[in-house]
Amino acid sequence: MRLLLIRHGETASNVVQALDTAAPGAPLNEVGVAQAERLAEQLATEELDAVYSSPLIRARMTATPLATTRGLLLAEYAGLREISAGELEMRTDMEAQLAYRDVFFRWLQGDLLAKIPGGEDGRTALERFSAVIERAGADGTQSLAVVSHGAMLMTWLASRKSNFDLSLLRHSPLQNTGVAVLESGPADRWTVHSWQGQTLSSGSGGATRRAARG
């Protein structure tokens, strides 16, 4: 399966760096609406069998132009929502930001029981997202676009068996309407072909950043 992982467009919460993870969440701002429209144009040549979205309003607003231009019915799945910030919800201070991020790094180091008070652990978050992708594959979907959220997308991808190099996130975190293009392979392994327009190598030693051309 060819999988496009897409972060939603910009919101007012993004601008102030608020931990906005609960439903319904902030809608796209004017910049975000324009980004969603450009995204549909940018991916116009991509053959898509389905477009899935998180139920949070910013993800639905981003995915709608992409689905509409293809005459596809947008499918919403709760499993694609953002990772819960729990008791840190809507905080904008650096202490909260670092505590939120620290949980994800603990997951990637194997501590899947780590969580923010009032939030969810790694096993729950990663399994709910994976279940949606696995269901699409079982249904025979060959090319799928998933519009979700930054923390959820980056953490899920970094937890998969793939050529993705975690250090890339430090240099190039997933931006609003940023796109990662993956293909599934044997033994539940994924190959990341591009990260926000940047081609990645497919070697088993990890992703290699190549100079952008044009």
N, C-alpha and C. Protein backbone atom coordinates (compact mmCIF):
# COMPACT_ATOMS: atom_id res chain seq x y z
N MET A 1 0.84 -1.19 0.00
CA MET A 1 0.00 0.00 0.00
C MET A 1 0.88 1.25 0.00
N ARG A 2 0.49 2.21 -0.80
CA ARG A 2 1.15 3.52 -0.81
C ARG A 2 0.39 4.40 0.19
N LEU A 3 1.12 4.98 1.11
CA LEU A 3 0.50 5.73 2.20
C LEU A 3 1.07 7.14 2.26
N LEU A 4 0.16 8.12 2.23
CA LEU A 4 0.56 9.52 2.37
C LEU A 4 0.12 9.99 3.76
N LEU A 5 1.09 10.31 4.59
CA LEU A 5 0.81 10.84 5.92
C LEU A 5 0.88 12.36 5.85
N ILE A 6 -0.20 13.03 6.23
CA ILE A 6 -0.30 14.47 6.04
C ILE A 6 -0.69 15.15 7.35
N ARG A 7 0.05 16.16 7.74
CA ARG A 7 -0.35 16.95 8.91
C ARG A 7 -1.37 18.00 8.46
N HIS A 8 -2.31 18.31 9.34
CA HIS A 8 -3.33 19.31 9.04
C HIS A 8 -2.73 20.70 8.84
N GLY A 9 -3.55 21.63 8.33
CA GLY A 9 -3.12 23.00 8.13
C GLY A 9 -3.05 23.79 9.43
N GLU A 10 -2.60 25.02 9.31
CA GLU A 10 -2.34 25.87 10.48
C GLU A 10 -3.63 26.31 11.18
N THR A 11 -3.55 26.39 12.52
CA THR A 11 -4.65 26.89 13.34
C THR A 11 -4.12 27.97 14.27
N ALA A 12 -5.05 28.67 14.93
CA ALA A 12 -4.64 29.68 15.91
C ALA A 12 -3.88 29.04 17.06
N SER A 13 -4.23 27.81 17.40
CA SER A 13 -3.52 27.11 18.48
C SER A 13 -2.07 26.82 18.09
N ASN A 14 -1.84 26.50 16.82
CA ASN A 14 -0.48 26.29 16.36
C ASN A 14 0.35 27.56 16.50
N VAL A 15 -0.25 28.68 16.18
CA VAL A 15 0.46 29.96 16.21
C VAL A 15 0.97 30.27 17.61
N VAL A 16 0.17 29.99 18.63
CA VAL A 16 0.57 30.27 20.02
C VAL A 16 1.18 29.04 20.69
N GLN A 17 1.32 27.95 19.94
CA GLN A 17 1.90 26.69 20.42
C GLN A 17 1.13 26.12 21.62
N ALA A 18 -0.19 26.14 21.50
CA ALA A 18 -1.03 25.55 22.53
C ALA A 18 -1.15 24.05 22.31
N LEU A 19 -1.18 23.29 23.39
CA LEU A 19 -1.36 21.84 23.31
C LEU A 19 -2.86 21.56 23.15
N ASP A 20 -3.33 21.74 21.94
CA ASP A 20 -4.75 21.62 21.59
C ASP A 20 -4.99 20.23 21.01
N THR A 21 -5.36 19.28 21.87
CA THR A 21 -5.50 17.89 21.42
C THR A 21 -6.91 17.33 21.57
N ALA A 22 -7.77 18.00 22.32
CA ALA A 22 -9.11 17.48 22.59
C ALA A 22 -10.08 17.89 21.48
N ALA A 23 -11.16 17.13 21.33
CA ALA A 23 -12.18 17.45 20.33
C ALA A 23 -13.04 18.61 20.83
N PRO A 24 -13.54 19.45 19.91
CA PRO A 24 -13.34 19.40 18.46
C PRO A 24 -12.05 20.06 18.00
N GLY A 25 -11.41 20.82 18.86
CA GLY A 25 -10.17 21.49 18.50
C GLY A 25 -10.40 22.74 17.68
N ALA A 26 -9.34 23.49 17.48
CA ALA A 26 -9.44 24.74 16.72
C ALA A 26 -9.61 24.46 15.23
N PRO A 27 -10.38 25.31 14.53
CA PRO A 27 -10.48 25.18 13.07
C PRO A 27 -9.24 25.76 12.41
N LEU A 28 -9.10 25.55 11.13
CA LEU A 28 -8.02 26.17 10.38
C LEU A 28 -8.20 27.69 10.39
N ASN A 29 -7.08 28.41 10.49
CA ASN A 29 -7.15 29.85 10.30
C ASN A 29 -7.03 30.15 8.80
N GLU A 30 -6.92 31.42 8.42
CA GLU A 30 -6.87 31.76 6.99
C GLU A 30 -5.67 31.13 6.30
N VAL A 31 -4.55 31.12 6.99
CA VAL A 31 -3.35 30.48 6.42
C VAL A 31 -3.60 28.99 6.22
N GLY A 32 -4.22 28.36 7.19
CA GLY A 32 -4.49 26.93 7.10
C GLY A 32 -5.45 26.57 5.98
N VAL A 33 -6.46 27.40 5.77
CA VAL A 33 -7.41 27.16 4.67
C VAL A 33 -6.67 27.22 3.34
N ALA A 34 -5.80 28.22 3.18
CA ALA A 34 -5.03 28.34 1.94
C ALA A 34 -4.09 27.14 1.78
N GLN A 35 -3.51 26.68 2.88
CA GLN A 35 -2.61 25.51 2.81
C GLN A 35 -3.38 24.28 2.36
N ALA A 36 -4.60 24.10 2.85
CA ALA A 36 -5.41 22.94 2.47
C ALA A 36 -5.73 22.97 0.98
N GLU A 37 -6.00 24.15 0.46
CA GLU A 37 -6.30 24.27 -0.97
C GLU A 37 -5.06 23.98 -1.81
N ARG A 38 -3.91 24.48 -1.36
CA ARG A 38 -2.67 24.21 -2.08
C ARG A 38 -2.30 22.74 -2.02
N LEU A 39 -2.59 22.11 -0.89
CA LEU A 39 -2.31 20.69 -0.74
C LEU A 39 -3.04 19.87 -1.80
N ALA A 40 -4.32 20.19 -2.01
CA ALA A 40 -5.11 19.47 -3.02
C ALA A 40 -4.50 19.66 -4.41
N GLU A 41 -3.99 20.84 -4.68
CA GLU A 41 -3.35 21.11 -5.96
C GLU A 41 -2.01 20.37 -6.06
N GLN A 42 -1.26 20.40 -4.98
CA GLN A 42 0.06 19.77 -4.94
C GLN A 42 -0.03 18.27 -5.20
N LEU A 43 -1.09 17.65 -4.69
CA LEU A 43 -1.25 16.19 -4.81
C LEU A 43 -2.20 15.80 -5.95
N ALA A 44 -2.44 16.72 -6.86
CA ALA A 44 -3.42 16.48 -7.93
C ALA A 44 -3.06 15.27 -8.80
N THR A 45 -1.78 14.97 -8.93
CA THR A 45 -1.37 13.85 -9.78
C THR A 45 -1.29 12.53 -9.03
N GLU A 46 -1.49 12.56 -7.71
CA GLU A 46 -1.46 11.34 -6.92
C GLU A 46 -2.75 10.55 -7.11
N GLU A 47 -2.62 9.28 -7.44
CA GLU A 47 -3.80 8.42 -7.54
C GLU A 47 -4.15 7.91 -6.15
N LEU A 48 -5.31 8.29 -5.67
CA LEU A 48 -5.74 7.92 -4.32
C LEU A 48 -7.02 7.10 -4.37
N ASP A 49 -7.03 6.01 -3.63
CA ASP A 49 -8.24 5.20 -3.50
C ASP A 49 -9.13 5.72 -2.38
N ALA A 50 -8.51 6.36 -1.38
CA ALA A 50 -9.28 6.80 -0.22
C ALA A 50 -8.56 7.94 0.48
N VAL A 51 -9.35 8.77 1.17
CA VAL A 51 -8.81 9.84 2.01
C VAL A 51 -9.43 9.66 3.39
N TYR A 52 -8.56 9.50 4.40
CA TYR A 52 -9.00 9.35 5.79
C TYR A 52 -8.62 10.59 6.58
N SER A 53 -9.39 10.86 7.61
CA SER A 53 -9.11 12.02 8.44
C SER A 53 -9.37 11.72 9.91
N SER A 54 -8.62 12.39 10.76
CA SER A 54 -8.95 12.47 12.18
C SER A 54 -10.29 13.20 12.29
N PRO A 55 -11.07 12.94 13.35
CA PRO A 55 -12.35 13.64 13.51
C PRO A 55 -12.21 15.08 14.00
N LEU A 56 -11.00 15.50 14.39
CA LEU A 56 -10.83 16.87 14.84
C LEU A 56 -11.01 17.83 13.66
N ILE A 57 -11.62 18.97 13.92
CA ILE A 57 -12.09 19.83 12.85
C ILE A 57 -10.97 20.30 11.93
N ARG A 58 -9.79 20.55 12.46
CA ARG A 58 -8.69 21.03 11.63
C ARG A 58 -8.24 19.98 10.62
N ALA A 59 -8.30 18.71 11.01
CA ALA A 59 -7.93 17.64 10.08
C ALA A 59 -9.01 17.47 9.01
N ARG A 60 -10.26 17.52 9.41
CA ARG A 60 -11.36 17.39 8.43
C ARG A 60 -11.32 18.53 7.42
N MET A 61 -11.07 19.76 7.89
CA MET A 61 -11.01 20.90 6.98
C MET A 61 -9.84 20.77 6.00
N THR A 62 -8.75 20.17 6.44
CA THR A 62 -7.59 19.99 5.56
C THR A 62 -7.85 18.89 4.54
N ALA A 63 -8.50 17.83 4.97
CA ALA A 63 -8.72 16.68 4.09
C ALA A 63 -9.84 16.88 3.08
N THR A 64 -10.79 17.76 3.40
CA THR A 64 -11.97 17.91 2.54
C THR A 64 -11.64 18.30 1.10
N PRO A 65 -10.81 19.34 0.84
CA PRO A 65 -10.50 19.66 -0.56
C PRO A 65 -9.82 18.51 -1.30
N LEU A 66 -8.97 17.78 -0.59
CA LEU A 66 -8.26 16.65 -1.20
C LEU A 66 -9.23 15.56 -1.64
N ALA A 67 -10.23 15.28 -0.80
CA ALA A 67 -11.23 14.26 -1.14
C ALA A 67 -12.19 14.77 -2.19
N THR A 68 -12.63 16.01 -2.04
CA THR A 68 -13.65 16.57 -2.93
C THR A 68 -13.18 16.63 -4.37
N THR A 69 -11.93 17.02 -4.59
CA THR A 69 -11.42 17.15 -5.96
C THR A 69 -11.37 15.81 -6.68
N ARG A 70 -11.42 14.72 -5.92
CA ARG A 70 -11.39 13.39 -6.51
C ARG A 70 -12.75 12.69 -6.47
N GLY A 71 -13.73 13.36 -5.92
CA GLY A 71 -15.04 12.75 -5.82
C GLY A 71 -15.07 11.61 -4.83
N LEU A 72 -14.17 11.66 -3.82
CA LEU A 72 -14.10 10.61 -2.81
C LEU A 72 -14.85 11.04 -1.55
N LEU A 73 -15.43 10.09 -0.87
CA LEU A 73 -16.09 10.34 0.40
C LEU A 73 -15.03 10.35 1.49
N LEU A 74 -14.95 11.44 2.25
CA LEU A 74 -13.98 11.53 3.32
C LEU A 74 -14.40 10.64 4.48
N ALA A 75 -13.50 9.76 4.90
CA ALA A 75 -13.78 8.84 6.01
C ALA A 75 -13.06 9.33 7.26
N GLU A 76 -13.78 9.45 8.37
CA GLU A 76 -13.19 9.90 9.63
C GLU A 76 -13.01 8.72 10.58
N TYR A 77 -11.86 8.68 11.23
CA TYR A 77 -11.57 7.61 12.18
C TYR A 77 -11.00 8.20 13.47
N ALA A 78 -11.61 7.84 14.59
CA ALA A 78 -11.15 8.34 15.89
C ALA A 78 -9.72 7.92 16.18
N GLY A 79 -9.29 6.79 15.62
CA GLY A 79 -7.93 6.31 15.85
C GLY A 79 -6.85 7.21 15.29
N LEU A 80 -7.23 8.18 14.44
CA LEU A 80 -6.26 9.08 13.83
C LEU A 80 -6.12 10.40 14.57
N ARG A 81 -6.83 10.54 15.71
CA ARG A 81 -6.79 11.81 16.44
C ARG A 81 -5.40 12.05 17.03
N GLU A 82 -5.20 13.27 17.52
CA GLU A 82 -3.92 13.63 18.12
C GLU A 82 -3.72 12.91 19.45
N ILE A 83 -2.45 12.73 19.84
CA ILE A 83 -2.13 12.15 21.13
C ILE A 83 -2.59 13.10 22.23
N SER A 84 -3.30 12.58 23.20
CA SER A 84 -3.88 13.41 24.24
C SER A 84 -2.82 14.09 25.11
N ALA A 85 -3.05 15.38 25.37
CA ALA A 85 -2.17 16.12 26.26
C ALA A 85 -2.63 16.02 27.71
N GLY A 86 -3.75 15.36 27.95
CA GLY A 86 -4.22 15.16 29.31
C GLY A 86 -4.33 16.45 30.10
N GLU A 87 -3.70 16.49 31.26
CA GLU A 87 -3.78 17.65 32.14
C GLU A 87 -3.02 18.86 31.59
N LEU A 88 -2.26 18.66 30.53
CA LEU A 88 -1.52 19.77 29.91
C LEU A 88 -2.32 20.46 28.81
N GLU A 89 -3.54 20.02 28.57
CA GLU A 89 -4.36 20.53 27.47
C GLU A 89 -4.42 22.06 27.47
N MET A 90 -4.13 22.64 26.30
CA MET A 90 -4.19 24.06 25.98
C MET A 90 -3.10 24.90 26.66
N ARG A 91 -2.16 24.26 27.33
CA ARG A 91 -1.05 25.03 27.89
C ARG A 91 -0.09 25.43 26.77
N THR A 92 0.56 26.58 26.94
CA THR A 92 1.46 27.11 25.92
C THR A 92 2.89 27.28 26.42
N ASP A 93 3.13 27.01 27.70
CA ASP A 93 4.45 27.24 28.27
C ASP A 93 5.43 26.14 27.87
N MET A 94 6.71 26.48 27.91
CA MET A 94 7.76 25.55 27.49
C MET A 94 7.81 24.31 28.37
N GLU A 95 7.56 24.44 29.66
CA GLU A 95 7.58 23.28 30.55
C GLU A 95 6.58 22.22 30.09
N ALA A 96 5.37 22.67 29.71
CA ALA A 96 4.35 21.73 29.24
C ALA A 96 4.75 21.13 27.90
N GLN A 97 5.30 21.94 27.01
CA GLN A 97 5.73 21.44 25.71
C GLN A 97 6.78 20.34 25.87
N LEU A 98 7.74 20.56 26.74
CA LEU A 98 8.81 19.58 26.93
C LEU A 98 8.28 18.31 27.58
N ALA A 99 7.35 18.45 28.53
CA ALA A 99 6.78 17.28 29.18
C ALA A 99 6.00 16.43 28.18
N TYR A 100 5.28 17.09 27.28
CA TYR A 100 4.50 16.40 26.25
C TYR A 100 5.43 15.62 25.32
N ARG A 101 6.49 16.27 24.88
CA ARG A 101 7.42 15.61 23.97
C ARG A 101 8.20 14.49 24.63
N ASP A 102 8.51 14.69 25.92
CA ASP A 102 9.29 13.68 26.63
C ASP A 102 8.60 12.33 26.64
N VAL A 103 7.28 12.33 26.72
CA VAL A 103 6.52 11.08 26.73
C VAL A 103 6.75 10.30 25.44
N PHE A 104 6.76 11.00 24.30
CA PHE A 104 6.95 10.31 23.01
C PHE A 104 8.33 9.68 22.92
N PHE A 105 9.35 10.39 23.39
CA PHE A 105 10.70 9.83 23.34
C PHE A 105 10.80 8.61 24.25
N ARG A 106 10.10 8.61 25.36
CA ARG A 106 10.09 7.44 26.23
C ARG A 106 9.42 6.26 25.53
N TRP A 107 8.38 6.53 24.76
CA TRP A 107 7.73 5.46 23.99
C TRP A 107 8.71 4.84 23.01
N LEU A 108 9.44 5.70 22.30
CA LEU A 108 10.35 5.22 21.27
C LEU A 108 11.55 4.48 21.87
N GLN A 109 11.79 4.69 23.15
CA GLN A 109 12.85 3.95 23.86
C GLN A 109 12.31 2.68 24.50
N GLY A 110 11.03 2.39 24.26
CA GLY A 110 10.46 1.14 24.74
C GLY A 110 9.53 1.25 25.93
N ASP A 111 9.42 2.43 26.52
CA ASP A 111 8.55 2.61 27.69
C ASP A 111 7.15 3.00 27.23
N LEU A 112 6.38 2.02 26.75
CA LEU A 112 5.06 2.29 26.20
C LEU A 112 4.01 2.57 27.26
N LEU A 113 4.35 2.40 28.52
CA LEU A 113 3.40 2.69 29.59
C LEU A 113 3.47 4.14 30.06
N ALA A 114 4.46 4.88 29.56
CA ALA A 114 4.59 6.28 29.95
C ALA A 114 3.40 7.08 29.44
N LYS A 115 2.94 8.04 30.22
CA LYS A 115 1.86 8.91 29.77
C LYS A 115 1.81 10.17 30.62
N ILE A 116 1.19 11.18 30.08
CA ILE A 116 0.93 12.41 30.80
C ILE A 116 -0.30 12.17 31.68
N PRO A 117 -0.32 12.67 32.91
CA PRO A 117 -1.52 12.49 33.74
C PRO A 117 -2.78 12.92 32.99
N GLY A 118 -3.76 12.03 32.96
CA GLY A 118 -4.98 12.32 32.23
C GLY A 118 -4.90 12.01 30.75
N GLY A 119 -3.73 11.58 30.28
CA GLY A 119 -3.54 11.27 28.87
C GLY A 119 -3.60 9.79 28.59
N GLU A 120 -2.92 9.35 27.52
CA GLU A 120 -2.93 7.95 27.12
C GLU A 120 -1.51 7.42 27.02
N ASP A 121 -1.36 6.11 27.20
CA ASP A 121 -0.03 5.54 27.10
C ASP A 121 0.31 5.22 25.65
N GLY A 122 1.57 4.86 25.42
CA GLY A 122 2.04 4.62 24.06
C GLY A 122 1.37 3.45 23.38
N ARG A 123 1.12 2.39 24.12
CA ARG A 123 0.49 1.22 23.52
C ARG A 123 -0.89 1.59 22.96
N THR A 124 -1.65 2.34 23.73
CA THR A 124 -2.99 2.74 23.30
C THR A 124 -2.94 3.63 22.06
N ALA A 125 -2.08 4.65 22.10
CA ALA A 125 -2.01 5.60 21.00
C ALA A 125 -1.54 4.95 19.70
N LEU A 126 -0.46 4.18 19.78
CA LEU A 126 0.11 3.59 18.57
C LEU A 126 -0.80 2.50 18.00
N GLU A 127 -1.44 1.73 18.87
CA GLU A 127 -2.31 0.65 18.39
C GLU A 127 -3.57 1.20 17.73
N ARG A 128 -4.14 2.28 18.26
CA ARG A 128 -5.36 2.82 17.64
C ARG A 128 -5.06 3.37 16.24
N PHE A 129 -3.90 4.01 16.09
CA PHE A 129 -3.53 4.53 14.77
C PHE A 129 -3.24 3.39 13.81
N SER A 130 -2.46 2.42 14.27
CA SER A 130 -2.10 1.27 13.43
C SER A 130 -3.34 0.50 12.97
N ALA A 131 -4.34 0.40 13.84
CA ALA A 131 -5.55 -0.35 13.50
C ALA A 131 -6.25 0.23 12.28
N VAL A 132 -6.22 1.55 12.15
CA VAL A 132 -6.86 2.20 11.00
C VAL A 132 -6.10 1.87 9.72
N ILE A 133 -4.77 1.95 9.78
CA ILE A 133 -3.95 1.66 8.60
C ILE A 133 -4.10 0.19 8.21
N GLU A 134 -4.08 -0.69 9.19
CA GLU A 134 -4.20 -2.12 8.91
C GLU A 134 -5.57 -2.45 8.31
N ARG A 135 -6.61 -1.77 8.78
CA ARG A 135 -7.94 -2.01 8.22
C ARG A 135 -7.99 -1.60 6.76
N ALA A 136 -7.35 -0.48 6.43
CA ALA A 136 -7.31 -0.04 5.04
C ALA A 136 -6.62 -1.07 4.16
N GLY A 137 -5.50 -1.61 4.65
CA GLY A 137 -4.80 -2.63 3.89
C GLY A 137 -5.62 -3.88 3.72
N ALA A 138 -6.32 -4.29 4.78
CA ALA A 138 -7.17 -5.49 4.70
C ALA A 138 -8.32 -5.30 3.74
N ASP A 139 -8.76 -4.05 3.58
CA ASP A 139 -9.86 -3.75 2.65
C ASP A 139 -9.39 -3.68 1.20
N GLY A 140 -8.08 -3.81 0.98
CA GLY A 140 -7.54 -3.78 -0.37
C GLY A 140 -7.19 -2.40 -0.88
N THR A 141 -7.14 -1.40 0.01
CA THR A 141 -6.77 -0.05 -0.41
C THR A 141 -5.33 -0.04 -0.88
N GLN A 142 -5.10 0.48 -2.08
CA GLN A 142 -3.76 0.50 -2.65
C GLN A 142 -3.04 1.83 -2.42
N SER A 143 -3.81 2.92 -2.36
CA SER A 143 -3.21 4.24 -2.18
C SER A 143 -4.10 5.05 -1.25
N LEU A 144 -3.55 5.45 -0.10
CA LEU A 144 -4.34 6.07 0.95
C LEU A 144 -3.68 7.35 1.45
N ALA A 145 -4.48 8.42 1.56
CA ALA A 145 -4.02 9.66 2.19
C ALA A 145 -4.64 9.74 3.57
N VAL A 146 -3.81 10.00 4.58
CA VAL A 146 -4.28 10.11 5.97
C VAL A 146 -3.93 11.50 6.48
N VAL A 147 -4.94 12.26 6.86
CA VAL A 147 -4.71 13.59 7.44
C VAL A 147 -4.88 13.49 8.94
N SER A 148 -3.79 13.73 9.66
CA SER A 148 -3.82 13.58 11.10
C SER A 148 -3.03 14.74 11.73
N HIS A 149 -2.27 14.45 12.78
CA HIS A 149 -1.67 15.49 13.60
C HIS A 149 -0.18 15.25 13.82
N GLY A 150 0.55 16.34 14.07
CA GLY A 150 1.99 16.28 14.12
C GLY A 150 2.57 15.24 15.05
N ALA A 151 2.21 15.30 16.33
CA ALA A 151 2.78 14.35 17.29
C ALA A 151 2.41 12.92 16.96
N MET A 152 1.15 12.70 16.59
CA MET A 152 0.70 11.35 16.27
C MET A 152 1.43 10.79 15.06
N LEU A 153 1.53 11.57 14.01
CA LEU A 153 2.17 11.10 12.78
C LEU A 153 3.65 10.84 12.98
N MET A 154 4.35 11.77 13.61
CA MET A 154 5.79 11.61 13.76
C MET A 154 6.13 10.45 14.70
N THR A 155 5.36 10.30 15.76
CA THR A 155 5.62 9.22 16.71
C THR A 155 5.31 7.86 16.09
N TRP A 156 4.19 7.77 15.37
CA TRP A 156 3.84 6.49 14.74
C TRP A 156 4.90 6.09 13.71
N LEU A 157 5.29 7.04 12.87
CA LEU A 157 6.28 6.73 11.84
C LEU A 157 7.61 6.32 12.47
N ALA A 158 8.03 7.04 13.49
CA ALA A 158 9.31 6.73 14.13
C ALA A 158 9.28 5.37 14.82
N SER A 159 8.09 4.89 15.17
CA SER A 159 7.97 3.59 15.85
C SER A 159 7.90 2.42 14.88
N ARG A 160 7.76 2.69 13.59
CA ARG A 160 7.63 1.61 12.60
C ARG A 160 8.99 1.08 12.19
N LYS A 161 9.01 -0.14 11.66
CA LYS A 161 10.22 -0.69 11.04
C LYS A 161 10.32 -0.07 9.65
N SER A 162 11.31 0.79 9.47
CA SER A 162 11.42 1.48 8.18
C SER A 162 12.83 2.03 8.01
N ASN A 163 13.05 2.71 6.90
CA ASN A 163 14.32 3.36 6.64
C ASN A 163 14.36 4.77 7.22
N PHE A 164 13.36 5.13 8.01
CA PHE A 164 13.27 6.48 8.54
C PHE A 164 14.29 6.69 9.66
N ASP A 165 15.02 7.80 9.58
CA ASP A 165 16.01 8.15 10.58
C ASP A 165 15.40 9.17 11.53
N LEU A 166 15.29 8.82 12.79
CA LEU A 166 14.66 9.69 13.78
C LEU A 166 15.31 11.07 13.85
N SER A 167 16.60 11.15 13.53
CA SER A 167 17.30 12.43 13.60
C SER A 167 16.72 13.44 12.61
N LEU A 168 16.04 12.95 11.58
CA LEU A 168 15.45 13.86 10.60
C LEU A 168 14.41 14.77 11.25
N LEU A 169 13.75 14.28 12.29
CA LEU A 169 12.73 15.08 12.97
C LEU A 169 13.34 16.31 13.63
N ARG A 170 14.58 16.20 14.05
CA ARG A 170 15.23 17.35 14.69
C ARG A 170 15.54 18.43 13.66
N HIS A 171 15.87 18.03 12.45
CA HIS A 171 16.22 18.98 11.40
C HIS A 171 15.01 19.44 10.59
N SER A 172 14.02 18.56 10.49
CA SER A 172 12.88 18.86 9.62
C SER A 172 11.59 18.30 10.21
N PRO A 173 11.11 18.88 11.33
CA PRO A 173 9.84 18.40 11.91
C PRO A 173 8.71 18.60 10.93
N LEU A 174 7.67 17.80 11.08
CA LEU A 174 6.56 17.84 10.13
C LEU A 174 5.80 19.15 10.25
N GLN A 175 5.79 19.91 9.17
CA GLN A 175 5.12 21.21 9.14
C GLN A 175 3.64 21.06 8.81
N ASN A 176 2.88 22.13 8.98
CA ASN A 176 1.47 22.10 8.59
C ASN A 176 1.33 21.77 7.11
N THR A 177 0.51 20.79 6.80
CA THR A 177 0.29 20.19 5.47
C THR A 177 1.56 19.56 4.89
N GLY A 178 2.53 19.27 5.75
CA GLY A 178 3.68 18.49 5.31
C GLY A 178 3.25 17.07 4.98
N VAL A 179 3.92 16.45 4.00
CA VAL A 179 3.53 15.12 3.51
C VAL A 179 4.72 14.17 3.57
N ALA A 180 4.47 12.98 4.11
CA ALA A 180 5.45 11.88 4.04
C ALA A 180 4.84 10.78 3.18
N VAL A 181 5.60 10.26 2.22
CA VAL A 181 5.10 9.23 1.32
C VAL A 181 5.81 7.92 1.65
N LEU A 182 5.00 6.88 1.98
CA LEU A 182 5.53 5.58 2.38
C LEU A 182 4.92 4.48 1.51
N GLU A 183 5.61 3.34 1.47
CA GLU A 183 5.05 2.13 0.88
C GLU A 183 5.30 0.97 1.82
N SER A 184 4.27 0.12 1.95
CA SER A 184 4.40 -1.04 2.83
C SER A 184 5.20 -2.13 2.14
N GLY A 185 5.84 -2.94 2.95
CA GLY A 185 6.63 -4.04 2.42
C GLY A 185 6.46 -5.28 3.26
N PRO A 186 7.31 -6.28 3.05
CA PRO A 186 7.20 -7.53 3.82
C PRO A 186 7.54 -7.33 5.29
N ALA A 187 7.05 -8.22 6.12
CA ALA A 187 7.33 -8.24 7.55
C ALA A 187 6.98 -6.91 8.22
N ASP A 188 5.87 -6.32 7.77
CA ASP A 188 5.38 -5.09 8.37
C ASP A 188 6.40 -3.96 8.30
N ARG A 189 7.25 -3.98 7.26
CA ARG A 189 8.25 -2.94 7.09
C ARG A 189 7.75 -1.89 6.11
N TRP A 190 8.07 -0.63 6.40
CA TRP A 190 7.69 0.47 5.53
C TRP A 190 8.92 1.12 4.93
N THR A 191 8.79 1.58 3.69
CA THR A 191 9.84 2.37 3.05
C THR A 191 9.33 3.79 2.89
N VAL A 192 10.07 4.74 3.45
CA VAL A 192 9.71 6.15 3.32
C VAL A 192 10.41 6.68 2.08
N HIS A 193 9.62 7.06 1.06
CA HIS A 193 10.21 7.55 -0.19
C HIS A 193 10.51 9.04 -0.13
N SER A 194 9.67 9.79 0.56
CA SER A 194 9.94 11.22 0.65
C SER A 194 9.37 11.79 1.94
N TRP A 195 10.01 12.85 2.39
CA TRP A 195 9.61 13.54 3.62
C TRP A 195 9.50 15.03 3.31
N GLN A 196 8.29 15.52 3.21
CA GLN A 196 8.03 16.92 2.89
C GLN A 196 8.75 17.36 1.62
N GLY A 197 8.67 16.49 0.60
CA GLY A 197 9.27 16.80 -0.69
C GLY A 197 10.72 16.40 -0.82
N GLN A 198 11.33 15.92 0.24
CA GLN A 198 12.75 15.53 0.22
C GLN A 198 12.86 14.02 0.08
N THR A 199 13.57 13.58 -0.95
CA THR A 199 13.73 12.15 -1.21
C THR A 199 14.64 11.53 -0.16
N LEU A 200 14.25 10.34 0.32
CA LEU A 200 15.07 9.60 1.28
C LEU A 200 15.62 8.35 0.63
N SER A 201 16.80 7.93 1.07
CA SER A 201 17.37 6.70 0.55
C SER A 201 16.63 5.52 1.15
N SER A 202 16.71 4.38 0.52
CA SER A 202 16.00 3.19 0.98
C SER A 202 16.92 2.17 1.63
N GLY A 203 18.15 2.55 1.89
CA GLY A 203 19.10 1.60 2.49
C GLY A 203 18.72 1.22 3.90
N SER A 204 19.10 0.03 4.32
CA SER A 204 18.73 -0.47 5.63
C SER A 204 19.44 0.28 6.76
N GLY A 205 20.46 1.05 6.42
CA GLY A 205 21.20 1.77 7.45
C GLY A 205 20.50 3.03 7.91
N GLY A 206 19.34 3.33 7.37
CA GLY A 206 18.61 4.52 7.80
C GLY A 206 18.49 5.51 6.67
N ALA A 207 17.67 6.49 6.89
CA ALA A 207 17.40 7.48 5.86
C ALA A 207 18.58 8.41 5.67
N THR A 208 18.83 8.77 4.43
CA THR A 208 19.87 9.73 4.12
C THR A 208 19.25 10.91 3.43
N ARG A 209 19.56 12.08 3.93
CA ARG A 209 18.99 13.28 3.34
C ARG A 209 19.72 13.59 2.04
N ARG A 210 18.95 13.81 0.99
CA ARG A 210 19.55 14.17 -0.30
C ARG A 210 19.26 15.63 -0.58
N ALA A 211 20.17 16.25 -1.30
CA ALA A 211 19.99 17.67 -1.61
C ALA A 211 18.77 17.81 -2.52
N ALA A 212 17.96 18.81 -2.19
CA ALA A 212 16.78 19.08 -3.02
C ALA A 212 17.24 19.66 -4.34
N ARG A 213 16.55 19.32 -5.40
CA ARG A 213 16.88 19.82 -6.74
C ARG A 213 15.68 20.57 -7.30
N GLY A 214 15.95 21.62 -8.06
CA GLY A 214 14.89 22.38 -8.69
C GLY A 214 14.21 23.30 -7.72
